[in-house]
């Protein structure tokens, strides 16, 4: 009986992690909100999940922010009893950034959330492209084709924040770095001619000057 119970709990944990991984791996709605949607459509998504908007404000002429209670996607940890919110930032009426904010309340809970997510992202994306630490703050960043993921921790206020920002301009750079790692990067024709040693030869050079055959 204990074996069956443990197996069931393990299955649930695996399914939650798999569901969250599916929401992360390259799609444009890592927290359940598609990048580019309007504020009106985002509120419809919130309402459809029975969640509550706890903040809805204008930060500037083009920037709007919404703070929602809880989350609408499964996460790789048990969130029971955690003070957690989802943040949405709109620029020029389109969703540009989504975030998870945990108000841990104490250092042990904050450290648990940090460890769970940092290990999860390391397993999923490998080593971060950026890592920084200063005073009470620690930051890890991962670059995906069109999304930048940043994990922030504030040990003074016991806050953990996970940001996803839509940056489609990064796709070309990401693919170039991936090609370099694979050894399949493209070389422009002029550079290839130089490397092949025939950069100064006329197109009919080989035919005109090939050694005669007898």
C-alpha atoms as a PDB file:
ATOM      1  CA  UNK A   1       0.000   0.000   0.000  1.00  0.00           C
ATOM      2  CA  UNK A   2       2.822   2.380   0.894  1.00  0.00           C
ATOM      3  CA  UNK A   3       4.560   1.503  -2.385  1.00  0.00           C
ATOM      4  CA  UNK A   4       1.417   2.338  -4.366  1.00  0.00           C
ATOM      5  CA  UNK A   5       0.985   5.607  -2.510  1.00  0.00           C
ATOM      6  CA  UNK A   6       4.602   6.632  -3.124  1.00  0.00           C
ATOM      7  CA  UNK A   7       4.323   5.644  -6.778  1.00  0.00           C
ATOM      8  CA  UNK A   8       1.208   7.770  -7.117  1.00  0.00           C
ATOM      9  CA  UNK A   9       2.895  10.794  -5.553  1.00  0.00           C
ATOM     10  CA  UNK A  10       5.931  10.336  -7.822  1.00  0.00           C
ATOM     11  CA  UNK A  11       3.654  10.145 -10.879  1.00  0.00           C
ATOM     12  CA  UNK A  12       1.896  13.392  -9.880  1.00  0.00           C
ATOM     13  CA  UNK A  13       5.252  15.149  -9.368  1.00  0.00           C
ATOM     14  CA  UNK A  14       6.506  13.959 -12.760  1.00  0.00           C
ATOM     15  CA  UNK A  15       3.290  15.065 -14.491  1.00  0.00           C
ATOM     16  CA  UNK A  16       3.463  18.531 -12.899  1.00  0.00           C
ATOM     17  CA  UNK A  17       7.090  18.977 -13.958  1.00  0.00           C
ATOM     18  CA  UNK A  18       6.326  17.720 -17.468  1.00  0.00           C
ATOM     19  CA  UNK A  19       3.366  20.079 -17.790  1.00  0.00           C
ATOM     20  CA  UNK A  20       5.483  23.037 -16.716  1.00  0.00           C
ATOM     21  CA  UNK A  21       8.312  21.980 -19.032  1.00  0.00           C
ATOM     22  CA  UNK A  22       5.871  21.928 -21.929  1.00  0.00           C
ATOM     23  CA  UNK A  23       4.911  25.508 -21.114  1.00  0.00           C
ATOM     24  CA  UNK A  24       8.570  26.539 -21.098  1.00  0.00           C
ATOM     25  CA  UNK A  25      10.170  24.753 -24.018  1.00  0.00           C
ATOM     26  CA  UNK A  26      10.131  27.320 -26.767  1.00  0.00           C
ATOM     27  CA  UNK A  27       6.491  28.379 -26.790  1.00  0.00           C
ATOM     28  CA  UNK A  28       5.411  32.002 -26.397  1.00  0.00           C
ATOM     29  CA  UNK A  29       3.065  31.537 -23.446  1.00  0.00           C
ATOM     30  CA  UNK A  30       5.334  30.214 -20.653  1.00  0.00           C
ATOM     31  CA  UNK A  31       2.915  31.309 -17.908  1.00  0.00           C
ATOM     32  CA  UNK A  32      -0.290  30.704 -19.847  1.00  0.00           C
ATOM     33  CA  UNK A  33      -0.527  34.147 -21.460  1.00  0.00           C
ATOM     34  CA  UNK A  34       0.461  34.426 -25.126  1.00  0.00           C
ATOM     35  CA  UNK A  35       2.961  37.203 -25.799  1.00  0.00           C
ATOM     36  CA  UNK A  36       1.413  39.901 -27.987  1.00  0.00           C
ATOM     37  CA  UNK A  37      -2.157  39.599 -26.687  1.00  0.00           C
ATOM     38  CA  UNK A  38      -4.050  42.689 -25.548  1.00  0.00           C
ATOM     39  CA  UNK A  39      -4.843  43.615 -21.964  1.00  0.00           C
ATOM     40  CA  UNK A  40      -8.526  42.902 -22.655  1.00  0.00           C
ATOM     41  CA  UNK A  41      -7.737  39.364 -23.852  1.00  0.00           C
ATOM     42  CA  UNK A  42      -5.445  38.767 -20.868  1.00  0.00           C
ATOM     43  CA  UNK A  43      -8.255  39.675 -18.460  1.00  0.00           C
ATOM     44  CA  UNK A  44     -10.515  37.200 -20.282  1.00  0.00           C
ATOM     45  CA  UNK A  45      -7.903  34.488 -19.672  1.00  0.00           C
ATOM     46  CA  UNK A  46      -7.727  35.446 -15.989  1.00  0.00           C
ATOM     47  CA  UNK A  47     -11.530  35.342 -15.653  1.00  0.00           C
ATOM     48  CA  UNK A  48     -11.749  31.990 -17.456  1.00  0.00           C
ATOM     49  CA  UNK A  49      -9.459  30.465 -14.804  1.00  0.00           C
ATOM     50  CA  UNK A  50     -11.408  31.976 -11.917  1.00  0.00           C
ATOM     51  CA  UNK A  51      -8.471  34.114 -10.801  1.00  0.00           C
ATOM     52  CA  UNK A  52      -8.595  37.586  -9.293  1.00  0.00           C
ATOM     53  CA  UNK A  53      -6.859  40.746 -10.518  1.00  0.00           C
ATOM     54  CA  UNK A  54      -5.342  42.430  -7.472  1.00  0.00           C
ATOM     55  CA  UNK A  55      -3.633  45.304  -9.283  1.00  0.00           C
ATOM     56  CA  UNK A  56      -4.302  47.001 -12.608  1.00  0.00           C
ATOM     57  CA  UNK A  57      -2.381  50.200 -13.217  1.00  0.00           C
ATOM     58  CA  UNK A  58      -0.840  52.513 -15.776  1.00  0.00           C
ATOM     59  CA  UNK A  59       2.915  53.032 -15.379  1.00  0.00           C
ATOM     60  CA  UNK A  60       3.381  55.382 -18.319  1.00  0.00           C
ATOM     61  CA  UNK A  61       1.747  56.382 -21.572  1.00  0.00           C
ATOM     62  CA  UNK A  62       2.602  53.047 -23.220  1.00  0.00           C
ATOM     63  CA  UNK A  63       3.140  50.693 -20.263  1.00  0.00           C
ATOM     64  CA  UNK A  64       0.344  48.904 -18.380  1.00  0.00           C
ATOM     65  CA  UNK A  65       0.730  46.290 -15.650  1.00  0.00           C
ATOM     66  CA  UNK A  66      -1.611  43.697 -14.156  1.00  0.00           C
ATOM     67  CA  UNK A  67      -0.987  41.649 -11.021  1.00  0.00           C
ATOM     68  CA  UNK A  68      -3.016  38.463 -10.687  1.00  0.00           C
ATOM     69  CA  UNK A  69      -3.486  36.225  -7.683  1.00  0.00           C
ATOM     70  CA  UNK A  70      -1.775  32.833  -8.055  1.00  0.00           C
ATOM     71  CA  UNK A  71      -0.845  31.213 -11.371  1.00  0.00           C
ATOM     72  CA  UNK A  72      -2.718  29.473 -14.207  1.00  0.00           C
ATOM     73  CA  UNK A  73      -0.008  26.917 -15.086  1.00  0.00           C
ATOM     74  CA  UNK A  74       1.341  23.974 -13.101  1.00  0.00           C
ATOM     75  CA  UNK A  75       4.669  24.670 -11.413  1.00  0.00           C
ATOM     76  CA  UNK A  76       7.544  22.355 -10.409  1.00  0.00           C
ATOM     77  CA  UNK A  77       6.757  22.735  -6.702  1.00  0.00           C
ATOM     78  CA  UNK A  78       3.821  22.549  -4.322  1.00  0.00           C
ATOM     79  CA  UNK A  79       2.450  26.096  -4.014  1.00  0.00           C
ATOM     80  CA  UNK A  80      -0.002  25.325  -1.206  1.00  0.00           C
ATOM     81  CA  UNK A  81       0.214  28.103   1.369  1.00  0.00           C
ATOM     82  CA  UNK A  82       2.603  30.236  -0.708  1.00  0.00           C
ATOM     83  CA  UNK A  83       1.887  33.896  -1.411  1.00  0.00           C
ATOM     84  CA  UNK A  84       2.331  33.840  -5.181  1.00  0.00           C
ATOM     85  CA  UNK A  85       1.283  36.203  -7.949  1.00  0.00           C
ATOM     86  CA  UNK A  86       1.524  36.461 -11.723  1.00  0.00           C
ATOM     87  CA  UNK A  87       2.567  39.781 -13.235  1.00  0.00           C
ATOM     88  CA  UNK A  88       1.768  40.943 -16.768  1.00  0.00           C
ATOM     89  CA  UNK A  89       3.410  43.928 -18.443  1.00  0.00           C
ATOM     90  CA  UNK A  90       2.019  45.436 -21.630  1.00  0.00           C
ATOM     91  CA  UNK A  91       3.876  47.783 -23.925  1.00  0.00           C
ATOM     92  CA  UNK A  92       1.990  49.670 -26.622  1.00  0.00           C
ATOM     93  CA  UNK A  93      -1.127  47.565 -25.836  1.00  0.00           C
ATOM     94  CA  UNK A  94       0.630  44.202 -26.322  1.00  0.00           C
ATOM     95  CA  UNK A  95       1.862  41.725 -23.701  1.00  0.00           C
ATOM     96  CA  UNK A  96       5.653  41.943 -23.582  1.00  0.00           C
ATOM     97  CA  UNK A  97       6.601  40.353 -20.257  1.00  0.00           C
ATOM     98  CA  UNK A  98       5.159  37.864 -17.753  1.00  0.00           C
ATOM     99  CA  UNK A  99       6.450  37.017 -14.300  1.00  0.00           C
ATOM    100  CA  UNK A 100       5.931  34.878 -11.214  1.00  0.00           C
ATOM    101  CA  UNK A 101       6.460  36.611  -7.879  1.00  0.00           C
ATOM    102  CA  UNK A 102       6.781  34.654  -4.634  1.00  0.00           C
ATOM    103  CA  UNK A 103       6.584  36.517  -1.316  1.00  0.00           C
ATOM    104  CA  UNK A 104       8.222  33.776   0.720  1.00  0.00           C
ATOM    105  CA  UNK A 105       7.918  35.428   4.129  1.00  0.00           C
ATOM    106  CA  UNK A 106      11.017  33.766   5.596  1.00  0.00           C
ATOM    107  CA  UNK A 107      14.515  32.776   4.533  1.00  0.00           C
ATOM    108  CA  UNK A 108      13.901  28.995   4.591  1.00  0.00           C
ATOM    109  CA  UNK A 109      10.912  29.201   2.243  1.00  0.00           C
ATOM    110  CA  UNK A 110      12.726  31.668  -0.007  1.00  0.00           C
ATOM    111  CA  UNK A 111      15.763  29.364  -0.220  1.00  0.00           C
ATOM    112  CA  UNK A 112      13.516  26.375  -1.017  1.00  0.00           C
ATOM    113  CA  UNK A 113      11.785  28.217  -3.889  1.00  0.00           C
ATOM    114  CA  UNK A 114      15.116  29.487  -5.217  1.00  0.00           C
ATOM    115  CA  UNK A 115      16.688  26.025  -5.136  1.00  0.00           C
ATOM    116  CA  UNK A 116      13.699  24.335  -6.743  1.00  0.00           C
ATOM    117  CA  UNK A 117      13.500  26.735  -9.679  1.00  0.00           C
ATOM    118  CA  UNK A 118      17.242  27.194 -10.206  1.00  0.00           C
ATOM    119  CA  UNK A 119      17.775  23.417 -10.331  1.00  0.00           C
ATOM    120  CA  UNK A 120      14.770  23.012 -12.597  1.00  0.00           C
ATOM    121  CA  UNK A 121      16.025  25.631 -15.059  1.00  0.00           C
ATOM    122  CA  UNK A 122      19.547  24.199 -14.968  1.00  0.00           C
ATOM    123  CA  UNK A 123      18.175  20.768 -15.897  1.00  0.00           C
ATOM    124  CA  UNK A 124      15.987  22.244 -18.622  1.00  0.00           C
ATOM    125  CA  UNK A 125      18.262  24.877 -20.187  1.00  0.00           C
ATOM    126  CA  UNK A 126      21.752  24.141 -18.884  1.00  0.00           C
ATOM    127  CA  UNK A 127      24.089  26.734 -17.429  1.00  0.00           C
ATOM    128  CA  UNK A 128      22.759  30.314 -17.439  1.00  0.00           C
ATOM    129  CA  UNK A 129      24.130  32.772 -19.970  1.00  0.00           C
ATOM    130  CA  UNK A 130      24.394  35.362 -17.191  1.00  0.00           C
ATOM    131  CA  UNK A 131      24.873  35.098 -13.440  1.00  0.00           C
ATOM    132  CA  UNK A 132      25.267  37.904 -10.925  1.00  0.00           C
ATOM    133  CA  UNK A 133      25.210  38.466  -7.179  1.00  0.00           C
ATOM    134  CA  UNK A 134      25.379  41.673  -5.169  1.00  0.00           C
ATOM    135  CA  UNK A 135      24.444  42.296  -1.548  1.00  0.00           C
ATOM    136  CA  UNK A 136      20.926  40.845  -1.066  1.00  0.00           C
ATOM    137  CA  UNK A 137      20.322  40.117  -4.746  1.00  0.00           C
ATOM    138  CA  UNK A 138      21.110  37.137  -6.963  1.00  0.00           C
ATOM    139  CA  UNK A 139      20.262  36.783 -10.646  1.00  0.00           C
ATOM    140  CA  UNK A 140      20.424  33.971 -13.194  1.00  0.00           C
ATOM    141  CA  UNK A 141      19.491  34.493 -16.854  1.00  0.00           C
ATOM    142  CA  UNK A 142      18.845  32.062 -19.709  1.00  0.00           C
ATOM    143  CA  UNK A 143      18.476  33.080 -23.346  1.00  0.00           C
ATOM    144  CA  UNK A 144      16.030  31.196 -25.543  1.00  0.00           C
ATOM    145  CA  UNK A 145      15.271  31.875 -29.222  1.00  0.00           C
ATOM    146  CA  UNK A 146      12.625  34.548 -28.604  1.00  0.00           C
ATOM    147  CA  UNK A 147      12.364  34.755 -24.829  1.00  0.00           C
ATOM    148  CA  UNK A 148      14.744  35.807 -22.071  1.00  0.00           C
ATOM    149  CA  UNK A 149      14.234  34.070 -18.733  1.00  0.00           C
ATOM    150  CA  UNK A 150      15.559  35.670 -15.553  1.00  0.00           C
ATOM    151  CA  UNK A 151      15.415  34.264 -12.019  1.00  0.00           C
ATOM    152  CA  UNK A 152      15.820  36.928  -9.299  1.00  0.00           C
ATOM    153  CA  UNK A 153      16.097  36.467  -5.552  1.00  0.00           C
ATOM    154  CA  UNK A 154      16.028  39.112  -2.829  1.00  0.00           C
ATOM    155  CA  UNK A 155      17.240  37.565   0.430  1.00  0.00           C
ATOM    156  CA  UNK A 156      16.495  40.704   2.439  1.00  0.00           C
ATOM    157  CA  UNK A 157      12.774  40.764   1.635  1.00  0.00           C
ATOM    158  CA  UNK A 158      12.541  37.006   0.908  1.00  0.00           C
ATOM    159  CA  UNK A 159      11.180  37.513  -2.601  1.00  0.00           C
ATOM    160  CA  UNK A 160      11.748  35.239  -5.589  1.00  0.00           C
ATOM    161  CA  UNK A 161      10.804  36.523  -9.040  1.00  0.00           C
ATOM    162  CA  UNK A 162      10.860  34.744 -12.391  1.00  0.00           C
ATOM    163  CA  UNK A 163      10.644  36.953 -15.495  1.00  0.00           C
ATOM    164  CA  UNK A 164       9.912  35.939 -19.079  1.00  0.00           C
ATOM    165  CA  UNK A 165      10.453  38.751 -21.589  1.00  0.00           C
ATOM    166  CA  UNK A 166       9.605  38.508 -25.272  1.00  0.00           C
ATOM    167  CA  UNK A 167      12.673  39.418 -27.363  1.00  0.00           C
ATOM    168  CA  UNK A 168      12.245  38.097 -30.918  1.00  0.00           C
ATOM    169  CA  UNK A 169      15.373  39.941 -32.061  1.00  0.00           C
ATOM    170  CA  UNK A 170      17.422  37.363 -30.142  1.00  0.00           C
ATOM    171  CA  UNK A 171      16.432  34.441 -32.420  1.00  0.00           C
ATOM    172  CA  UNK A 172      19.151  35.072 -35.031  1.00  0.00           C
ATOM    173  CA  UNK A 173      21.821  35.408 -32.345  1.00  0.00           C
ATOM    174  CA  UNK A 174      20.596  32.289 -30.562  1.00  0.00           C
ATOM    175  CA  UNK A 175      20.618  30.213 -33.743  1.00  0.00           C
ATOM    176  CA  UNK A 176      24.086  31.493 -34.671  1.00  0.00           C
ATOM    177  CA  UNK A 177      25.475  30.488 -31.261  1.00  0.00           C
ATOM    178  CA  UNK A 178      23.774  27.097 -31.569  1.00  0.00           C
ATOM    179  CA  UNK A 179      25.338  26.554 -35.011  1.00  0.00           C
ATOM    180  CA  UNK A 180      28.768  27.438 -33.606  1.00  0.00           C
ATOM    181  CA  UNK A 181      28.377  24.884 -30.832  1.00  0.00           C
ATOM    182  CA  UNK A 182      27.302  22.250 -33.368  1.00  0.00           C
ATOM    183  CA  UNK A 183      30.035  23.212 -35.822  1.00  0.00           C
ATOM    184  CA  UNK A 184      27.460  23.933 -38.514  1.00  0.00           C
ATOM    185  CA  UNK A 185      27.719  27.704 -38.698  1.00  0.00           C
ATOM    186  CA  UNK A 186      27.294  29.279 -42.112  1.00  0.00           C
ATOM    187  CA  UNK A 187      30.303  30.998 -43.698  1.00  0.00           C
ATOM    188  CA  UNK A 188      29.778  33.751 -46.221  1.00  0.00           C
ATOM    189  CA  UNK A 189      31.006  32.956 -49.779  1.00  0.00           C
ATOM    190  CA  UNK A 190      33.892  35.460 -49.724  1.00  0.00           C
ATOM    191  CA  UNK A 191      35.228  34.005 -46.467  1.00  0.00           C
ATOM    192  CA  UNK A 192      34.824  30.456 -47.783  1.00  0.00           C
ATOM    193  CA  UNK A 193      36.774  31.329 -50.974  1.00  0.00           C
ATOM    194  CA  UNK A 194      39.577  32.748 -48.840  1.00  0.00           C
ATOM    195  CA  UNK A 195      39.674  29.633 -46.664  1.00  0.00           C
ATOM    196  CA  UNK A 196      39.685  27.395 -49.749  1.00  0.00           C
ATOM    197  CA  UNK A 197      42.613  29.336 -51.225  1.00  0.00           C
ATOM    198  CA  UNK A 198      40.870  30.181 -54.493  1.00  0.00           C
ATOM    199  CA  UNK A 199      39.802  33.734 -53.661  1.00  0.00           C
ATOM    200  CA  UNK A 200      41.907  35.229 -56.492  1.00  0.00           C
ATOM    201  CA  UNK A 201      41.244  32.697 -59.247  1.00  0.00           C
ATOM    202  CA  UNK A 202      39.056  33.554 -62.245  1.00  0.00           C
ATOM    203  CA  UNK A 203      36.044  31.298 -62.677  1.00  0.00           C
ATOM    204  CA  UNK A 204      37.636  29.485 -65.669  1.00  0.00           C
ATOM    205  CA  UNK A 205      41.125  29.307 -64.104  1.00  0.00           C
ATOM    206  CA  UNK A 206      41.139  25.533 -63.562  1.00  0.00           C
ATOM    207  CA  UNK A 207      40.042  24.785 -67.130  1.00  0.00           C
ATOM    208  CA  UNK A 208      42.468  27.248 -68.707  1.00  0.00           C
ATOM    209  CA  UNK A 209      45.534  26.290 -66.720  1.00  0.00           C
ATOM    210  CA  UNK A 210      45.073  22.638 -65.830  1.00  0.00           C
ATOM    211  CA  UNK A 211      48.072  20.433 -66.599  1.00  0.00           C
ATOM    212  CA  UNK A 212      47.959  18.863 -70.070  1.00  0.00           C
ATOM    213  CA  UNK A 213      47.350  15.139 -70.341  1.00  0.00           C
ATOM    214  CA  UNK A 214      49.279  12.992 -72.822  1.00  0.00           C
END
